[in-house]
C-alpha atoms as a PDB file:
ATOM      1  CA  UNK A   1     -18.147 -32.086 -52.226  1.00  0.00           C
ATOM      2  CA  UNK A   2     -14.738 -32.480 -50.793  1.00  0.00           C
ATOM      3  CA  UNK A   3     -14.635 -35.997 -51.763  1.00  0.00           C
ATOM      4  CA  UNK A   4     -15.173 -34.540 -55.529  1.00  0.00           C
ATOM      5  CA  UNK A   5     -12.845 -32.278 -55.654  1.00  0.00           C
ATOM      6  CA  UNK A   6     -10.029 -35.115 -54.446  1.00  0.00           C
ATOM      7  CA  UNK A   7     -11.227 -37.159 -57.649  1.00  0.00           C
ATOM      8  CA  UNK A   8      -9.922 -36.591 -61.009  1.00  0.00           C
ATOM      9  CA  UNK A   9     -12.944 -35.918 -62.872  1.00  0.00           C
ATOM     10  CA  UNK A  10     -13.331 -36.954 -66.645  1.00  0.00           C
ATOM     11  CA  UNK A  11     -12.552 -33.503 -68.852  1.00  0.00           C
ATOM     12  CA  UNK A  12     -14.570 -32.546 -71.687  1.00  0.00           C
ATOM     13  CA  UNK A  13     -13.690 -34.542 -74.222  1.00  0.00           C
ATOM     14  CA  UNK A  14     -12.484 -38.264 -73.547  1.00  0.00           C
ATOM     15  CA  UNK A  15      -9.792 -37.811 -76.056  1.00  0.00           C
ATOM     16  CA  UNK A  16      -8.160 -34.586 -74.222  1.00  0.00           C
ATOM     17  CA  UNK A  17      -8.951 -30.956 -74.175  1.00  0.00           C
ATOM     18  CA  UNK A  18      -6.563 -28.053 -75.838  1.00  0.00           C
ATOM     19  CA  UNK A  19      -4.912 -25.823 -73.301  1.00  0.00           C
ATOM     20  CA  UNK A  20      -5.582 -22.190 -73.963  1.00  0.00           C
ATOM     21  CA  UNK A  21      -2.677 -20.214 -75.645  1.00  0.00           C
ATOM     22  CA  UNK A  22      -0.768 -23.689 -76.080  1.00  0.00           C
ATOM     23  CA  UNK A  23       0.691 -25.677 -79.115  1.00  0.00           C
ATOM     24  CA  UNK A  24      -2.150 -27.605 -79.054  1.00  0.00           C
ATOM     25  CA  UNK A  25      -4.343 -25.378 -80.984  1.00  0.00           C
ATOM     26  CA  UNK A  26      -3.206 -24.863 -84.419  1.00  0.00           C
ATOM     27  CA  UNK A  27      -5.190 -23.511 -87.451  1.00  0.00           C
ATOM     28  CA  UNK A  28      -8.142 -23.756 -85.266  1.00  0.00           C
ATOM     29  CA  UNK A  29      -7.945 -27.162 -84.686  1.00  0.00           C
ATOM     30  CA  UNK A  30      -7.505 -28.059 -80.724  1.00  0.00           C
ATOM     31  CA  UNK A  31      -4.941 -31.211 -80.450  1.00  0.00           C
ATOM     32  CA  UNK A  32      -5.761 -33.848 -77.702  1.00  0.00           C
ATOM     33  CA  UNK A  33      -3.875 -32.997 -74.511  1.00  0.00           C
ATOM     34  CA  UNK A  34      -4.006 -36.306 -72.346  1.00  0.00           C
ATOM     35  CA  UNK A  35      -6.016 -36.335 -69.213  1.00  0.00           C
ATOM     36  CA  UNK A  36      -3.238 -37.166 -67.082  1.00  0.00           C
ATOM     37  CA  UNK A  37      -1.479 -33.555 -67.615  1.00  0.00           C
ATOM     38  CA  UNK A  38      -4.531 -31.994 -65.953  1.00  0.00           C
ATOM     39  CA  UNK A  39      -5.175 -31.464 -62.330  1.00  0.00           C
ATOM     40  CA  UNK A  40      -7.914 -30.564 -60.141  1.00  0.00           C
ATOM     41  CA  UNK A  41      -7.554 -27.317 -57.729  1.00  0.00           C
ATOM     42  CA  UNK A  42      -7.149 -29.727 -54.759  1.00  0.00           C
ATOM     43  CA  UNK A  43      -4.340 -31.180 -56.276  1.00  0.00           C
ATOM     44  CA  UNK A  44      -2.645 -28.108 -57.054  1.00  0.00           C
ATOM     45  CA  UNK A  45      -3.209 -26.967 -53.188  1.00  0.00           C
ATOM     46  CA  UNK A  46      -2.170 -30.438 -52.285  1.00  0.00           C
ATOM     47  CA  UNK A  47       1.389 -30.418 -54.090  1.00  0.00           C
ATOM     48  CA  UNK A  48       1.993 -26.597 -53.043  1.00  0.00           C
ATOM     49  CA  UNK A  49       0.825 -26.723 -49.617  1.00  0.00           C
ATOM     50  CA  UNK A  50      -1.703 -24.104 -50.260  1.00  0.00           C
ATOM     51  CA  UNK A  51      -5.733 -23.895 -49.461  1.00  0.00           C
ATOM     52  CA  UNK A  52      -7.967 -24.146 -52.074  1.00  0.00           C
ATOM     53  CA  UNK A  53      -9.148 -20.450 -51.458  1.00  0.00           C
ATOM     54  CA  UNK A  54      -5.964 -19.111 -51.847  1.00  0.00           C
ATOM     55  CA  UNK A  55      -5.766 -20.963 -55.575  1.00  0.00           C
ATOM     56  CA  UNK A  56      -8.967 -19.597 -56.276  1.00  0.00           C
ATOM     57  CA  UNK A  57      -7.897 -15.999 -54.816  1.00  0.00           C
ATOM     58  CA  UNK A  58      -4.677 -16.031 -57.113  1.00  0.00           C
ATOM     59  CA  UNK A  59      -7.081 -16.746 -59.715  1.00  0.00           C
ATOM     60  CA  UNK A  60      -8.950 -13.719 -58.484  1.00  0.00           C
ATOM     61  CA  UNK A  61      -6.017 -11.441 -58.780  1.00  0.00           C
ATOM     62  CA  UNK A  62      -4.955 -12.508 -62.407  1.00  0.00           C
ATOM     63  CA  UNK A  63      -2.100 -14.723 -61.029  1.00  0.00           C
ATOM     64  CA  UNK A  64      -3.133 -17.663 -62.044  1.00  0.00           C
ATOM     65  CA  UNK A  65      -5.807 -19.452 -64.847  1.00  0.00           C
ATOM     66  CA  UNK A  66      -7.183 -22.616 -65.339  1.00  0.00           C
ATOM     67  CA  UNK A  67      -5.998 -24.493 -68.308  1.00  0.00           C
ATOM     68  CA  UNK A  68      -9.786 -26.125 -68.740  1.00  0.00           C
ATOM     69  CA  UNK A  69     -12.571 -27.457 -67.071  1.00  0.00           C
ATOM     70  CA  UNK A  70     -14.246 -30.807 -66.735  1.00  0.00           C
ATOM     71  CA  UNK A  71     -17.961 -31.742 -67.491  1.00  0.00           C
ATOM     72  CA  UNK A  72     -18.725 -30.631 -64.008  1.00  0.00           C
ATOM     73  CA  UNK A  73     -17.088 -27.481 -64.848  1.00  0.00           C
ATOM     74  CA  UNK A  74     -14.341 -27.827 -62.420  1.00  0.00           C
ATOM     75  CA  UNK A  75     -11.259 -26.215 -62.620  1.00  0.00           C
ATOM     76  CA  UNK A  76      -8.447 -28.085 -64.480  1.00  0.00           C
ATOM     77  CA  UNK A  77      -4.591 -27.043 -64.543  1.00  0.00           C
ATOM     78  CA  UNK A  78      -1.508 -28.309 -66.108  1.00  0.00           C
ATOM     79  CA  UNK A  79       1.667 -28.745 -64.191  1.00  0.00           C
ATOM     80  CA  UNK A  80       2.863 -25.112 -64.982  1.00  0.00           C
ATOM     81  CA  UNK A  81       0.264 -23.936 -62.141  1.00  0.00           C
ATOM     82  CA  UNK A  82       2.420 -25.470 -59.593  1.00  0.00           C
ATOM     83  CA  UNK A  83       5.257 -23.745 -61.161  1.00  0.00           C
ATOM     84  CA  UNK A  84       3.402 -20.685 -61.051  1.00  0.00           C
ATOM     85  CA  UNK A  85       2.170 -21.091 -57.680  1.00  0.00           C
ATOM     86  CA  UNK A  86       5.554 -21.693 -56.161  1.00  0.00           C
ATOM     87  CA  UNK A  87       7.053 -18.657 -58.034  1.00  0.00           C
ATOM     88  CA  UNK A  88       4.091 -16.628 -56.252  1.00  0.00           C
ATOM     89  CA  UNK A  89       5.180 -18.024 -52.886  1.00  0.00           C
ATOM     90  CA  UNK A  90       8.878 -17.249 -53.430  1.00  0.00           C
ATOM     91  CA  UNK A  91       8.118 -13.702 -54.357  1.00  0.00           C
ATOM     92  CA  UNK A  92       5.954 -13.505 -51.358  1.00  0.00           C
ATOM     93  CA  UNK A  93       8.844 -14.643 -48.942  1.00  0.00           C
ATOM     94  CA  UNK A  94      10.981 -12.076 -50.779  1.00  0.00           C
ATOM     95  CA  UNK A  95       8.970  -9.330 -49.457  1.00  0.00           C
ATOM     96  CA  UNK A  96       6.423  -8.622 -52.112  1.00  0.00           C
ATOM     97  CA  UNK A  97       2.625  -8.302 -51.626  1.00  0.00           C
ATOM     98  CA  UNK A  98       0.109 -10.036 -54.258  1.00  0.00           C
ATOM     99  CA  UNK A  99      -0.625  -6.593 -55.560  1.00  0.00           C
ATOM    100  CA  UNK A 100       3.146  -6.026 -56.427  1.00  0.00           C
ATOM    101  CA  UNK A 101       3.042  -9.624 -57.934  1.00  0.00           C
ATOM    102  CA  UNK A 102      -0.187  -8.638 -59.859  1.00  0.00           C
ATOM    103  CA  UNK A 103       2.274  -5.486 -61.290  1.00  0.00           C
ATOM    104  CA  UNK A 104       5.169  -7.922 -61.896  1.00  0.00           C
ATOM    105  CA  UNK A 105       2.905 -10.142 -63.941  1.00  0.00           C
ATOM    106  CA  UNK A 106       1.177  -7.267 -65.626  1.00  0.00           C
ATOM    107  CA  UNK A 107       4.852  -5.762 -66.685  1.00  0.00           C
ATOM    108  CA  UNK A 108       5.751  -9.224 -68.135  1.00  0.00           C
ATOM    109  CA  UNK A 109       2.574  -9.951 -70.003  1.00  0.00           C
ATOM    110  CA  UNK A 110       2.770  -6.419 -71.543  1.00  0.00           C
ATOM    111  CA  UNK A 111       6.329  -6.145 -72.242  1.00  0.00           C
ATOM    112  CA  UNK A 112       6.780  -5.612 -76.305  1.00  0.00           C
ATOM    113  CA  UNK A 113       9.351  -7.940 -76.596  1.00  0.00           C
ATOM    114  CA  UNK A 114      11.221 -11.035 -74.541  1.00  0.00           C
ATOM    115  CA  UNK A 115      14.346  -9.190 -73.844  1.00  0.00           C
ATOM    116  CA  UNK A 116      12.172  -6.234 -72.633  1.00  0.00           C
ATOM    117  CA  UNK A 117      10.136  -9.194 -70.521  1.00  0.00           C
ATOM    118  CA  UNK A 118      13.111 -10.608 -68.785  1.00  0.00           C
ATOM    119  CA  UNK A 119      14.665  -7.161 -68.193  1.00  0.00           C
ATOM    120  CA  UNK A 120      11.989  -6.352 -66.021  1.00  0.00           C
ATOM    121  CA  UNK A 121      12.597  -9.400 -64.179  1.00  0.00           C
ATOM    122  CA  UNK A 122      16.185  -9.122 -63.833  1.00  0.00           C
ATOM    123  CA  UNK A 123      15.436  -5.492 -62.353  1.00  0.00           C
ATOM    124  CA  UNK A 124      12.752  -6.792 -59.864  1.00  0.00           C
ATOM    125  CA  UNK A 125      15.265  -9.835 -58.989  1.00  0.00           C
ATOM    126  CA  UNK A 126      17.979  -7.799 -58.413  1.00  0.00           C
ATOM    127  CA  UNK A 127      16.496  -5.527 -56.386  1.00  0.00           C
ATOM    128  CA  UNK A 128      15.104  -8.187 -53.872  1.00  0.00           C
ATOM    129  CA  UNK A 129      18.974  -9.568 -54.032  1.00  0.00           C
ATOM    130  CA  UNK A 130      19.980  -6.292 -52.618  1.00  0.00           C
ATOM    131  CA  UNK A 131      17.226  -6.245 -49.875  1.00  0.00           C
ATOM    132  CA  UNK A 132      17.964  -9.594 -49.106  1.00  0.00           C
ATOM    133  CA  UNK A 133      21.564  -9.346 -48.696  1.00  0.00           C
ATOM    134  CA  UNK A 134      20.784  -6.094 -46.255  1.00  0.00           C
ATOM    135  CA  UNK A 135      18.686  -8.375 -44.308  1.00  0.00           C
ATOM    136  CA  UNK A 136      21.110 -11.069 -44.063  1.00  0.00           C
ATOM    137  CA  UNK A 137      23.633  -8.588 -42.899  1.00  0.00           C
ATOM    138  CA  UNK A 138      21.151  -7.401 -39.966  1.00  0.00           C
ATOM    139  CA  UNK A 139      20.274 -10.882 -39.238  1.00  0.00           C
ATOM    140  CA  UNK A 140      24.031 -11.769 -38.927  1.00  0.00           C
ATOM    141  CA  UNK A 141      24.800  -8.978 -36.770  1.00  0.00           C
ATOM    142  CA  UNK A 142      21.358 -10.002 -34.325  1.00  0.00           C
ATOM    143  CA  UNK A 143      23.434 -13.761 -34.502  1.00  0.00           C
ATOM    144  CA  UNK A 144      25.975 -11.896 -32.766  1.00  0.00           C
ATOM    145  CA  UNK A 145      24.366 -10.264 -30.520  1.00  0.00           C
ATOM    146  CA  UNK A 146      22.534 -13.283 -29.341  1.00  0.00           C
ATOM    147  CA  UNK A 147      25.731 -15.249 -28.974  1.00  0.00           C
ATOM    148  CA  UNK A 148      27.341 -12.560 -26.561  1.00  0.00           C
ATOM    149  CA  UNK A 149      24.498 -12.341 -24.541  1.00  0.00           C
ATOM    150  CA  UNK A 150      24.272 -16.213 -23.713  1.00  0.00           C
ATOM    151  CA  UNK A 151      27.664 -15.876 -22.999  1.00  0.00           C
ATOM    152  CA  UNK A 152      27.179 -13.188 -20.451  1.00  0.00           C
ATOM    153  CA  UNK A 153      23.946 -14.747 -19.067  1.00  0.00           C
ATOM    154  CA  UNK A 154      26.030 -18.119 -18.499  1.00  0.00           C
ATOM    155  CA  UNK A 155      27.797 -16.812 -15.773  1.00  0.00           C
ATOM    156  CA  UNK A 156      24.218 -15.742 -13.932  1.00  0.00           C
ATOM    157  CA  UNK A 157      24.297 -19.259 -12.789  1.00  0.00           C
ATOM    158  CA  UNK A 158      26.634 -18.527 -10.222  1.00  0.00           C
ATOM    159  CA  UNK A 159      24.807 -15.947  -8.716  1.00  0.00           C
ATOM    160  CA  UNK A 160      23.455 -16.284  -5.089  1.00  0.00           C
ATOM    161  CA  UNK A 161      19.906 -18.035  -5.351  1.00  0.00           C
ATOM    162  CA  UNK A 162      18.815 -15.623  -2.810  1.00  0.00           C
ATOM    163  CA  UNK A 163      19.579 -12.500  -4.544  1.00  0.00           C
ATOM    164  CA  UNK A 164      16.508 -10.253  -5.539  1.00  0.00           C
ATOM    165  CA  UNK A 165      15.889  -9.478  -9.572  1.00  0.00           C
ATOM    166  CA  UNK A 166      16.894  -5.938  -8.768  1.00  0.00           C
ATOM    167  CA  UNK A 167      20.062  -6.626  -7.845  1.00  0.00           C
ATOM    168  CA  UNK A 168      20.961  -7.096 -11.270  1.00  0.00           C
ATOM    169  CA  UNK A 169      21.063  -3.569 -12.214  1.00  0.00           C
ATOM    170  CA  UNK A 170      24.344  -3.579 -10.033  1.00  0.00           C
ATOM    171  CA  UNK A 171      25.727  -7.237 -10.489  1.00  0.00           C
ATOM    172  CA  UNK A 172      28.414  -8.430  -8.633  1.00  0.00           C
ATOM    173  CA  UNK A 173      29.287 -11.394 -10.475  1.00  0.00           C
ATOM    174  CA  UNK A 174      30.412  -9.776 -13.959  1.00  0.00           C
ATOM    175  CA  UNK A 175      33.471  -7.794 -14.482  1.00  0.00           C
ATOM    176  CA  UNK A 176      32.184  -3.766 -14.026  1.00  0.00           C
ATOM    177  CA  UNK A 177      34.815  -3.198 -16.858  1.00  0.00           C
ATOM    178  CA  UNK A 178      32.866  -5.623 -19.149  1.00  0.00           C
ATOM    179  CA  UNK A 179      29.981  -3.977 -20.743  1.00  0.00           C
ATOM    180  CA  UNK A 180      26.373  -5.495 -21.187  1.00  0.00           C
ATOM    181  CA  UNK A 181      25.030  -6.692 -24.386  1.00  0.00           C
ATOM    182  CA  UNK A 182      22.113  -4.350 -25.105  1.00  0.00           C
ATOM    183  CA  UNK A 183      20.060  -7.606 -24.886  1.00  0.00           C
ATOM    184  CA  UNK A 184      20.771  -8.011 -21.389  1.00  0.00           C
ATOM    185  CA  UNK A 185      21.203  -4.325 -20.293  1.00  0.00           C
ATOM    186  CA  UNK A 186      17.865  -3.437 -21.717  1.00  0.00           C
ATOM    187  CA  UNK A 187      16.227  -6.211 -19.482  1.00  0.00           C
ATOM    188  CA  UNK A 188      16.614  -4.092 -16.125  1.00  0.00           C
ATOM    189  CA  UNK A 189      17.548  -1.033 -17.587  1.00  0.00           C
ATOM    190  CA  UNK A 190      21.004  -1.010 -17.647  1.00  0.00           C
ATOM    191  CA  UNK A 191      23.426  -1.511 -14.356  1.00  0.00           C
ATOM    192  CA  UNK A 192      23.157   2.406 -13.589  1.00  0.00           C
ATOM    193  CA  UNK A 193      19.829   1.671 -12.569  1.00  0.00           C
ATOM    194  CA  UNK A 194      20.413   0.869  -9.194  1.00  0.00           C
ATOM    195  CA  UNK A 195      22.953   3.597  -9.030  1.00  0.00           C
ATOM    196  CA  UNK A 196      20.626   5.959 -10.067  1.00  0.00           C
ATOM    197  CA  UNK A 197      18.074   5.376  -7.306  1.00  0.00           C
ATOM    198  CA  UNK A 198      20.932   5.534  -4.946  1.00  0.00           C
ATOM    199  CA  UNK A 199      21.729   9.035  -5.941  1.00  0.00           C
ATOM    200  CA  UNK A 200      17.973   9.948  -5.938  1.00  0.00           C
ATOM    201  CA  UNK A 201      17.892   8.463  -2.606  1.00  0.00           C
ATOM    202  CA  UNK A 202      21.089  10.375  -1.275  1.00  0.00           C
ATOM    203  CA  UNK A 203      19.420  13.791  -2.477  1.00  0.00           C
ATOM    204  CA  UNK A 204      16.316  13.281  -0.764  1.00  0.00           C
ATOM    205  CA  UNK A 205      17.925  12.013   2.462  1.00  0.00           C
ATOM    206  CA  UNK A 206      20.233  15.269   2.469  1.00  0.00           C
ATOM    207  CA  UNK A 207      17.090  17.603   1.992  1.00  0.00           C
ATOM    208  CA  UNK A 208      15.500  15.950   4.718  1.00  0.00           C
ATOM    209  CA  UNK A 209      18.558  16.724   6.699  1.00  0.00           C
ATOM    210  CA  UNK A 210      18.452  20.364   6.014  1.00  0.00           C
ATOM    211  CA  UNK A 211      14.835  20.643   6.148  1.00  0.00           C
ATOM    212  CA  UNK A 212      13.851  22.913   9.347  1.00  0.00           C
END
């Protein structure tokens, strides 16, 4: 079956086949469409980096429709299917789920006019642009924090190899006035972990000394 899927099958009419909803059909007469325009599901999947199952799933959700079928009833697609699948992937990368993409497609297809259809798409893209910019700002903040953490940790190579990990709570290599990046402090609980432990130990010692 895999071999069959990877071969170009003859379409129903040797001279070509009409694509539904295309200009190829006029006055009830189907104009010929060259066989080279039609691709099999394996071709589409390979071109888009998707699995055949994913392509079929898009069909089940109404996001993609085959243009025709071969004599053996295999689905055939025009090159517009590649653009549609890549479009679905980009919307998914922008954070839309498949049900949300379904809603976008329905809104587009049910729009009473072309301007309203385009207005729907502008609203979708504008919202995603705002979210993308927010994510970029957040990632830039994380980038700066990673850079400062790495710079801080570079000096740890000068630490005495005999030191135990617990010594990181009260590091004597770094300047005490230098604030630890949160990505560093969070590893050991912050510089106060040793001082807090010492404070508890002091209290317990004092209690034992005054106990009868």
